[in-house]
PDB file of N, CA and C in Angstrom:
ATOM      1  N   MET A   1     -96.089 139.297  59.390  1.00  0.00           N
ATOM      2  CA  MET A   1     -94.847 139.828  59.729  1.00  0.00           C
ATOM      3  C   MET A   1     -93.853 139.826  58.703  1.00  0.00           C
ATOM      4  N   ASN A   2     -93.176 140.748  58.091  1.00  0.00           N
ATOM      5  CA  ASN A   2     -92.345 140.574  57.095  1.00  0.00           C
ATOM      6  C   ASN A   2     -90.824 140.163  57.869  1.00  0.00           C
ATOM      7  N   SER A   3     -89.720 140.033  56.896  1.00  0.00           N
ATOM      8  CA  SER A   3     -88.740 139.603  57.491  1.00  0.00           C
ATOM      9  C   SER A   3     -87.919 140.324  58.476  1.00  0.00           C
ATOM     10  N   GLU A   4     -88.043 142.023  57.763  1.00  0.00           N
ATOM     11  CA  GLU A   4     -87.560 143.292  58.520  1.00  0.00           C
ATOM     12  C   GLU A   4     -87.975 143.023  60.005  1.00  0.00           C
ATOM     13  N   GLN A   5     -89.484 143.044  59.984  1.00  0.00           N
ATOM     14  CA  GLN A   5     -90.056 142.956  61.560  1.00  0.00           C
ATOM     15  C   GLN A   5     -89.811 141.610  62.130  1.00  0.00           C
ATOM     16  N   LYS A   6     -89.549 140.549  61.596  1.00  0.00           N
ATOM     17  CA  LYS A   6     -89.095 139.491  62.360  1.00  0.00           C
ATOM     18  C   LYS A   6     -87.679 139.547  62.875  1.00  0.00           C
ATOM     19  N   GLU A   7     -87.027 139.904  62.172  1.00  0.00           N
ATOM     20  CA  GLU A   7     -85.950 140.492  62.540  1.00  0.00           C
ATOM     21  C   GLU A   7     -85.480 141.308  63.816  1.00  0.00           C
ATOM     22  N   LEU A   8     -86.260 142.235  63.622  1.00  0.00           N
ATOM     23  CA  LEU A   8     -86.446 143.223  64.851  1.00  0.00           C
ATOM     24  C   LEU A   8     -87.020 142.661  66.055  1.00  0.00           C
ATOM     25  N   PHE A   9     -88.067 141.902  65.743  1.00  0.00           N
ATOM     26  CA  PHE A   9     -88.648 141.255  66.856  1.00  0.00           C
ATOM     27  C   PHE A   9     -87.349 140.228  67.581  1.00  0.00           C
ATOM     28  N   GLN A  10     -86.722 139.567  67.078  1.00  0.00           N
ATOM     29  CA  GLN A  10     -86.204 138.619  67.541  1.00  0.00           C
ATOM     30  C   GLN A  10     -84.983 139.165  68.269  1.00  0.00           C
ATOM     31  N   THR A  11     -84.563 140.391  67.555  1.00  0.00           N
ATOM     32  CA  THR A  11     -83.266 141.225  68.320  1.00  0.00           C
ATOM     33  C   THR A  11     -83.921 141.711  69.657  1.00  0.00           C
ATOM     34  N   LEU A  12     -84.775 142.319  69.491  1.00  0.00           N
ATOM     35  CA  LEU A  12     -85.525 142.855  70.753  1.00  0.00           C
ATOM     36  C   LEU A  12     -85.917 141.978  71.848  1.00  0.00           C
ATOM     37  N   PHE A  13     -86.650 140.708  71.456  1.00  0.00           N
ATOM     38  CA  PHE A  13     -86.879 139.580  72.296  1.00  0.00           C
ATOM     39  C   PHE A  13     -85.705 139.121  72.986  1.00  0.00           C
ATOM     40  N   GLY A  14     -84.775 138.811  72.135  1.00  0.00           N
ATOM     41  CA  GLY A  14     -83.339 138.488  72.828  1.00  0.00           C
ATOM     42  C   GLY A  14     -82.754 139.488  73.762  1.00  0.00           C
ATOM     43  N   THR A  15     -82.967 140.767  73.597  1.00  0.00           N
ATOM     44  CA  THR A  15     -82.394 141.618  74.582  1.00  0.00           C
ATOM     45  C   THR A  15     -83.464 141.589  75.980  1.00  0.00           C
ATOM     46  N   TYR A  16     -84.428 141.820  75.630  1.00  0.00           N
ATOM     47  CA  TYR A  16     -85.472 142.084  76.748  1.00  0.00           C
ATOM     48  C   TYR A  16     -85.999 140.732  77.506  1.00  0.00           C
ATOM     49  N   LYS A  17     -86.079 139.678  76.665  1.00  0.00           N
ATOM     50  CA  LYS A  17     -86.600 138.355  77.133  1.00  0.00           C
ATOM     51  C   LYS A  17     -87.930 138.339  77.625  1.00  0.00           C
ATOM     52  N   LYS A  18     -89.003 139.033  77.057  1.00  0.00           N
ATOM     53  CA  LYS A  18     -90.450 139.351  77.336  1.00  0.00           C
ATOM     54  C   LYS A  18     -91.218 139.746  76.068  1.00  0.00           C
ATOM     55  N   ALA A  19     -92.422 139.684  76.330  1.00  0.00           N
ATOM     56  CA  ALA A  19     -93.088 140.342  74.837  1.00  0.00           C
ATOM     57  C   ALA A  19     -93.786 141.587  75.545  1.00  0.00           C
ATOM     58  N   LEU A  20     -93.988 141.774  76.711  1.00  0.00           N
ATOM     59  CA  LEU A  20     -94.631 142.937  77.226  1.00  0.00           C
ATOM     60  C   LEU A  20     -93.472 143.934  77.862  1.00  0.00           C
ATOM     61  N   LEU A  21     -93.653 145.081  77.115  1.00  0.00           N
ATOM     62  CA  LEU A  21     -92.516 145.825  77.919  1.00  0.00           C
ATOM     63  C   LEU A  21     -93.103 147.463  78.793  1.00  0.00           C
ATOM     64  N   SER A  22     -92.284 147.642  79.578  1.00  0.00           N
ATOM     65  CA  SER A  22     -92.635 148.757  80.618  1.00  0.00           C
ATOM     66  C   SER A  22     -92.525 150.146  79.561  1.00  0.00           C
ATOM     67  N   ARG A  23     -93.148 151.159  79.869  1.00  0.00           N
ATOM     68  CA  ARG A  23     -93.174 152.415  79.603  1.00  0.00           C
ATOM     69  C   ARG A  23     -91.662 153.082  79.141  1.00  0.00           C
ATOM     70  N   LYS A  24     -90.821 152.792  80.252  1.00  0.00           N
ATOM     71  CA  LYS A  24     -89.558 153.220  80.202  1.00  0.00           C
ATOM     72  C   LYS A  24     -88.775 152.414  79.135  1.00  0.00           C
ATOM     73  N   GLU A  25     -88.796 150.980  78.796  1.00  0.00           N
ATOM     74  CA  GLU A  25     -88.222 150.350  78.189  1.00  0.00           C
ATOM     75  C   GLU A  25     -88.782 150.704  76.578  1.00  0.00           C
ATOM     76  N   THR A  26     -90.101 150.816  76.395  1.00  0.00           N
ATOM     77  CA  THR A  26     -90.508 151.173  75.196  1.00  0.00           C
ATOM     78  C   THR A  26     -90.222 152.336  74.865  1.00  0.00           C
ATOM     79  N   ALA A  27     -89.902 153.664  75.579  1.00  0.00           N
ATOM     80  CA  ALA A  27     -89.689 155.074  75.306  1.00  0.00           C
ATOM     81  C   ALA A  27     -88.211 154.627  74.453  1.00  0.00           C
ATOM     82  N   GLY A  28     -87.203 154.118  75.539  1.00  0.00           N
ATOM     83  CA  GLY A  28     -85.978 153.726  75.052  1.00  0.00           C
ATOM     84  C   GLY A  28     -85.899 153.186  73.593  1.00  0.00           C
ATOM     85  N   ILE A  29     -86.522 152.284  73.365  1.00  0.00           N
ATOM     86  CA  ILE A  29     -86.357 151.344  72.118  1.00  0.00           C
ATOM     87  C   ILE A  29     -86.726 152.726  70.985  1.00  0.00           C
ATOM     88  N   ILE A  30     -87.876 153.350  71.060  1.00  0.00           N
ATOM     89  CA  ILE A  30     -88.292 154.051  70.057  1.00  0.00           C
ATOM     90  C   ILE A  30     -87.622 155.512  69.986  1.00  0.00           C
ATOM     91  N   GLY A  31     -86.711 155.934  71.085  1.00  0.00           N
ATOM     92  CA  GLY A  31     -85.889 156.934  71.057  1.00  0.00           C
ATOM     93  C   GLY A  31     -86.688 158.130  71.550  1.00  0.00           C
ATOM     94  N   VAL A  32     -87.459 158.229  72.497  1.00  0.00           N
ATOM     95  CA  VAL A  32     -88.357 159.033  73.046  1.00  0.00           C
ATOM     96  C   VAL A  32     -88.287 159.104  74.735  1.00  0.00           C
ATOM     97  N   SER A  33     -88.466 160.429  74.951  1.00  0.00           N
ATOM     98  CA  SER A  33     -88.665 160.152  76.352  1.00  0.00           C
ATOM     99  C   SER A  33     -90.031 159.668  77.103  1.00  0.00           C
ATOM    100  N   VAL A  34     -90.286 159.257  78.256  1.00  0.00           N
ATOM    101  CA  VAL A  34     -91.311 158.760  78.610  1.00  0.00           C
ATOM    102  C   VAL A  34     -92.680 159.411  78.482  1.00  0.00           C
ATOM    103  N   ALA A  35     -92.303 160.960  78.979  1.00  0.00           N
ATOM    104  CA  ALA A  35     -93.297 161.700  78.768  1.00  0.00           C
ATOM    105  C   ALA A  35     -93.721 162.084  77.244  1.00  0.00           C
ATOM    106  N   THR A  36     -92.891 161.977  76.686  1.00  0.00           N
ATOM    107  CA  THR A  36     -93.210 162.110  74.719  1.00  0.00           C
ATOM    108  C   THR A  36     -94.030 160.786  74.796  1.00  0.00           C
ATOM    109  N   LEU A  37     -93.675 159.574  75.060  1.00  0.00           N
ATOM    110  CA  LEU A  37     -94.339 158.194  74.672  1.00  0.00           C
ATOM    111  C   LEU A  37     -95.800 158.562  75.292  1.00  0.00           C
ATOM    112  N   ASP A  38     -96.080 159.183  76.603  1.00  0.00           N
ATOM    113  CA  ASP A  38     -97.343 159.371  77.213  1.00  0.00           C
ATOM    114  C   ASP A  38     -98.252 160.327  76.190  1.00  0.00           C
ATOM    115  N   ARG A  39     -97.276 161.251  75.719  1.00  0.00           N
ATOM    116  CA  ARG A  39     -98.042 162.454  75.189  1.00  0.00           C
ATOM    117  C   ARG A  39     -98.687 161.640  73.788  1.00  0.00           C
ATOM    118  N   LEU A  40     -97.777 160.850  73.166  1.00  0.00           N
ATOM    119  CA  LEU A  40     -98.121 160.293  71.812  1.00  0.00           C
ATOM    120  C   LEU A  40     -99.317 159.145  72.069  1.00  0.00           C
ATOM    121  N   LYS A  41     -99.198 158.871  73.296  1.00  0.00           N
ATOM    122  CA  LYS A  41    -100.243 157.863  73.759  1.00  0.00           C
ATOM    123  C   LYS A  41    -101.643 158.604  73.683  1.00  0.00           C
ATOM    124  N   ALA A  42    -101.665 159.646  74.444  1.00  0.00           N
ATOM    125  CA  ALA A  42    -102.713 160.529  74.652  1.00  0.00           C
ATOM    126  C   ALA A  42    -103.624 161.165  73.214  1.00  0.00           C
ATOM    127  N   GLN A  43    -102.684 161.307  72.381  1.00  0.00           N
ATOM    128  CA  GLN A  43    -102.932 161.898  71.229  1.00  0.00           C
ATOM    129  C   GLN A  43    -103.605 160.711  70.066  1.00  0.00           C
ATOM    130  N   GLY A  44    -103.077 159.298  70.481  1.00  0.00           N
ATOM    131  CA  GLY A  44    -103.806 158.513  69.770  1.00  0.00           C
ATOM    132  C   GLY A  44    -102.815 158.192  68.796  1.00  0.00           C
ATOM    133  N   ILE A  45    -101.744 158.534  68.808  1.00  0.00           N
ATOM    134  CA  ILE A  45    -100.974 158.381  67.415  1.00  0.00           C
ATOM    135  C   ILE A  45     -99.368 157.430  67.791  1.00  0.00           C
ATOM    136  N   GLY A  46     -99.559 157.074  69.146  1.00  0.00           N
ATOM    137  CA  GLY A  46     -98.236 156.341  69.562  1.00  0.00           C
ATOM    138  C   GLY A  46     -98.340 154.889  69.154  1.00  0.00           C
ATOM    139  N   VAL A  47     -97.665 154.050  70.054  1.00  0.00           N
ATOM    140  CA  VAL A  47     -97.615 152.665  70.058  1.00  0.00           C
ATOM    141  C   VAL A  47     -98.821 151.789  70.859  1.00  0.00           C
ATOM    142  N   GLU A  48     -99.301 150.809  70.107  1.00  0.00           N
ATOM    143  CA  GLU A  48    -100.386 150.068  70.689  1.00  0.00           C
ATOM    144  C   GLU A  48    -100.045 149.631  72.310  1.00  0.00           C
ATOM    145  N   TYR A  49    -101.231 149.705  73.054  1.00  0.00           N
ATOM    146  CA  TYR A  49    -100.623 149.322  74.347  1.00  0.00           C
ATOM    147  C   TYR A  49    -101.823 148.645  75.028  1.00  0.00           C
ATOM    148  N   LYS A  50    -101.673 147.817  76.057  1.00  0.00           N
ATOM    149  CA  LYS A  50    -102.672 147.364  76.739  1.00  0.00           C
ATOM    150  C   LYS A  50    -102.532 147.635  78.225  1.00  0.00           C
ATOM    151  N   LYS A  51    -103.772 147.734  78.673  1.00  0.00           N
ATOM    152  CA  LYS A  51    -103.665 148.080  80.373  1.00  0.00           C
ATOM    153  C   LYS A  51    -103.989 146.752  80.777  1.00  0.00           C
ATOM    154  N   MET A  52    -103.097 146.512  82.091  1.00  0.00           N
ATOM    155  CA  MET A  52    -103.055 145.245  82.644  1.00  0.00           C
ATOM    156  C   MET A  52    -103.630 144.998  83.602  1.00  0.00           C
ATOM    157  N   ASP A  53    -104.260 145.986  84.484  1.00  0.00           N
ATOM    158  CA  ASP A  53    -104.893 146.015  85.675  1.00  0.00           C
ATOM    159  C   ASP A  53    -105.751 147.132  85.997  1.00  0.00           C
ATOM    160  N   GLY A  54    -106.937 146.902  86.241  1.00  0.00           N
ATOM    161  CA  GLY A  54    -107.788 148.396  86.393  1.00  0.00           C
ATOM    162  C   GLY A  54    -108.129 148.921  85.216  1.00  0.00           C
ATOM    163  N   LYS A  55    -109.217 149.986  85.262  1.00  0.00           N
ATOM    164  CA  LYS A  55    -109.755 150.489  84.230  1.00  0.00           C
ATOM    165  C   LYS A  55    -109.620 151.993  84.312  1.00  0.00           C
ATOM    166  N   GLY A  56    -109.714 152.740  83.397  1.00  0.00           N
ATOM    167  CA  GLY A  56    -109.537 154.273  83.694  1.00  0.00           C
ATOM    168  C   GLY A  56    -107.915 154.885  83.720  1.00  0.00           C
ATOM    169  N   LYS A  57    -107.499 155.548  84.602  1.00  0.00           N
ATOM    170  CA  LYS A  57    -106.037 156.000  84.570  1.00  0.00           C
ATOM    171  C   LYS A  57    -105.499 155.427  85.361  1.00  0.00           C
ATOM    172  N   ASN A  58    -105.773 154.443  86.402  1.00  0.00           N
ATOM    173  CA  ASN A  58    -105.085 153.614  87.195  1.00  0.00           C
ATOM    174  C   ASN A  58    -104.427 152.068  86.749  1.00  0.00           C
ATOM    175  N   GLY A  59    -104.911 151.956  85.534  1.00  0.00           N
ATOM    176  CA  GLY A  59    -104.152 150.571  85.118  1.00  0.00           C
ATOM    177  C   GLY A  59    -102.624 150.812  84.692  1.00  0.00           C
ATOM    178  N   THR A  60    -101.951 149.611  84.770  1.00  0.00           N
ATOM    179  CA  THR A  60    -100.695 149.633  84.521  1.00  0.00           C
ATOM    180  C   THR A  60    -100.669 149.422  83.023  1.00  0.00           C
ATOM    181  N   VAL A  61     -99.563 150.221  82.295  1.00  0.00           N
ATOM    182  CA  VAL A  61     -99.532 150.124  80.708  1.00  0.00           C
ATOM    183  C   VAL A  61     -98.383 149.360  80.166  1.00  0.00           C
ATOM    184  N   LYS A  62     -98.883 148.588  79.509  1.00  0.00           N
ATOM    185  CA  LYS A  62     -97.724 147.693  78.982  1.00  0.00           C
ATOM    186  C   LYS A  62     -97.642 147.687  77.299  1.00  0.00           C
ATOM    187  N   TYR A  63     -96.515 147.525  76.922  1.00  0.00           N
ATOM    188  CA  TYR A  63     -96.338 147.781  75.095  1.00  0.00           C
ATOM    189  C   TYR A  63     -95.990 146.531  74.715  1.00  0.00           C
ATOM    190  N   PRO A  64     -96.858 145.781  73.949  1.00  0.00           N
ATOM    191  CA  PRO A  64     -96.276 144.473  73.235  1.00  0.00           C
ATOM    192  C   PRO A  64     -95.564 144.711  72.459  1.00  0.00           C
ATOM    193  N   LEU A  65     -94.527 143.839  72.453  1.00  0.00           N
ATOM    194  CA  LEU A  65     -93.127 143.796  71.580  1.00  0.00           C
ATOM    195  C   LEU A  65     -93.528 143.995  70.100  1.00  0.00           C
ATOM    196  N   GLN A  66     -94.542 142.829  69.702  1.00  0.00           N
ATOM    197  CA  GLN A  66     -95.026 143.339  68.361  1.00  0.00           C
ATOM    198  C   GLN A  66     -95.548 144.537  67.812  1.00  0.00           C
ATOM    199  N   ALA A  67     -96.076 145.273  68.936  1.00  0.00           N
ATOM    200  CA  ALA A  67     -96.929 146.640  68.613  1.00  0.00           C
ATOM    201  C   ALA A  67     -95.850 147.322  68.510  1.00  0.00           C
ATOM    202  N   ILE A  68     -94.356 147.455  69.116  1.00  0.00           N
ATOM    203  CA  ILE A  68     -93.545 148.324  69.158  1.00  0.00           C
ATOM    204  C   ILE A  68     -92.692 148.134  67.821  1.00  0.00           C
ATOM    205  N   VAL A  69     -92.541 146.707  67.283  1.00  0.00           N
ATOM    206  CA  VAL A  69     -91.938 146.812  65.886  1.00  0.00           C
ATOM    207  C   VAL A  69     -92.712 146.935  64.933  1.00  0.00           C
ATOM    208  N   ARG A  70     -93.904 146.835  64.992  1.00  0.00           N
ATOM    209  CA  ARG A  70     -94.983 147.656  63.971  1.00  0.00           C
ATOM    210  C   ARG A  70     -95.056 149.070  63.792  1.00  0.00           C
ATOM    211  N   TYR A  71     -94.514 149.765  64.999  1.00  0.00           N
ATOM    212  CA  TYR A  71     -94.650 151.129  65.173  1.00  0.00           C
ATOM    213  C   TYR A  71     -93.302 151.496  64.407  1.00  0.00           C
ATOM    214  N   LEU A  72     -92.194 150.872  64.767  1.00  0.00           N
ATOM    215  CA  LEU A  72     -90.868 151.242  64.152  1.00  0.00           C
ATOM    216  C   LEU A  72     -91.076 151.014  62.828  1.00  0.00           C
ATOM    217  N   THR A  73     -91.495 150.022  62.228  1.00  0.00           N
ATOM    218  CA  THR A  73     -91.480 149.672  60.683  1.00  0.00           C
ATOM    219  C   THR A  73     -92.531 150.159  59.756  1.00  0.00           C
ATOM    220  N   ASP A  74     -93.567 150.501  60.315  1.00  0.00           N
ATOM    221  CA  ASP A  74     -94.836 151.003  59.738  1.00  0.00           C
ATOM    222  C   ASP A  74     -95.040 152.434  59.850  1.00  0.00           C
ATOM    223  N   ASN A  75     -94.460 153.098  60.745  1.00  0.00           N
ATOM    224  CA  ASN A  75     -94.793 154.576  60.945  1.00  0.00           C
ATOM    225  C   ASN A  75     -93.921 155.375  60.252  1.00  0.00           C
ATOM    226  N   HIS A  76     -93.963 155.426  58.806  1.00  0.00           N
ATOM    227  CA  HIS A  76     -93.262 156.188  57.961  1.00  0.00           C
ATOM    228  C   HIS A  76     -94.193 157.314  57.670  1.00  0.00           C
ATOM    229  N   VAL A  77     -93.480 158.703  57.458  1.00  0.00           N
ATOM    230  CA  VAL A  77     -94.439 159.799  57.084  1.00  0.00           C
ATOM    231  C   VAL A  77     -93.643 160.418  55.508  1.00  0.00           C
ATOM    232  N   LYS A  78     -94.399 160.422  54.899  1.00  0.00           N
ATOM    233  CA  LYS A  78     -93.683 161.230  53.600  1.00  0.00           C
ATOM    234  C   LYS A  78     -93.870 162.706  53.561  1.00  0.00           C
ATOM    235  N   THR A  79     -92.878 163.141  53.124  1.00  0.00           N
ATOM    236  CA  THR A  79     -92.829 164.732  53.090  1.00  0.00           C
ATOM    237  C   THR A  79     -92.939 165.138  51.659  1.00  0.00           C
ATOM    238  N   ALA A  80     -93.149 166.532  51.531  1.00  0.00           N
ATOM    239  CA  ALA A  80     -93.680 166.817  50.101  1.00  0.00           C
ATOM    240  C   ALA A  80     -92.434 166.937  49.180  1.00  0.00           C
TER     241      ALA A  80
END
């Protein structure tokens, strides 16, 4: 984790006080709707996530704070 990522992690952890966040919390942090977050997940281009209980469609999805920080700091697209 670089210094930018550490600072962002500390800020977010200070706000949420937990290392695993809900879909709604994650969507708010990255600035998209929950539906868009779900669409990004389905396309395999969203934030890394964990299934907390069950397998298949019925598991609870949680987003590790470190994965959110990586997504925000490493997900840069170069334009032509």
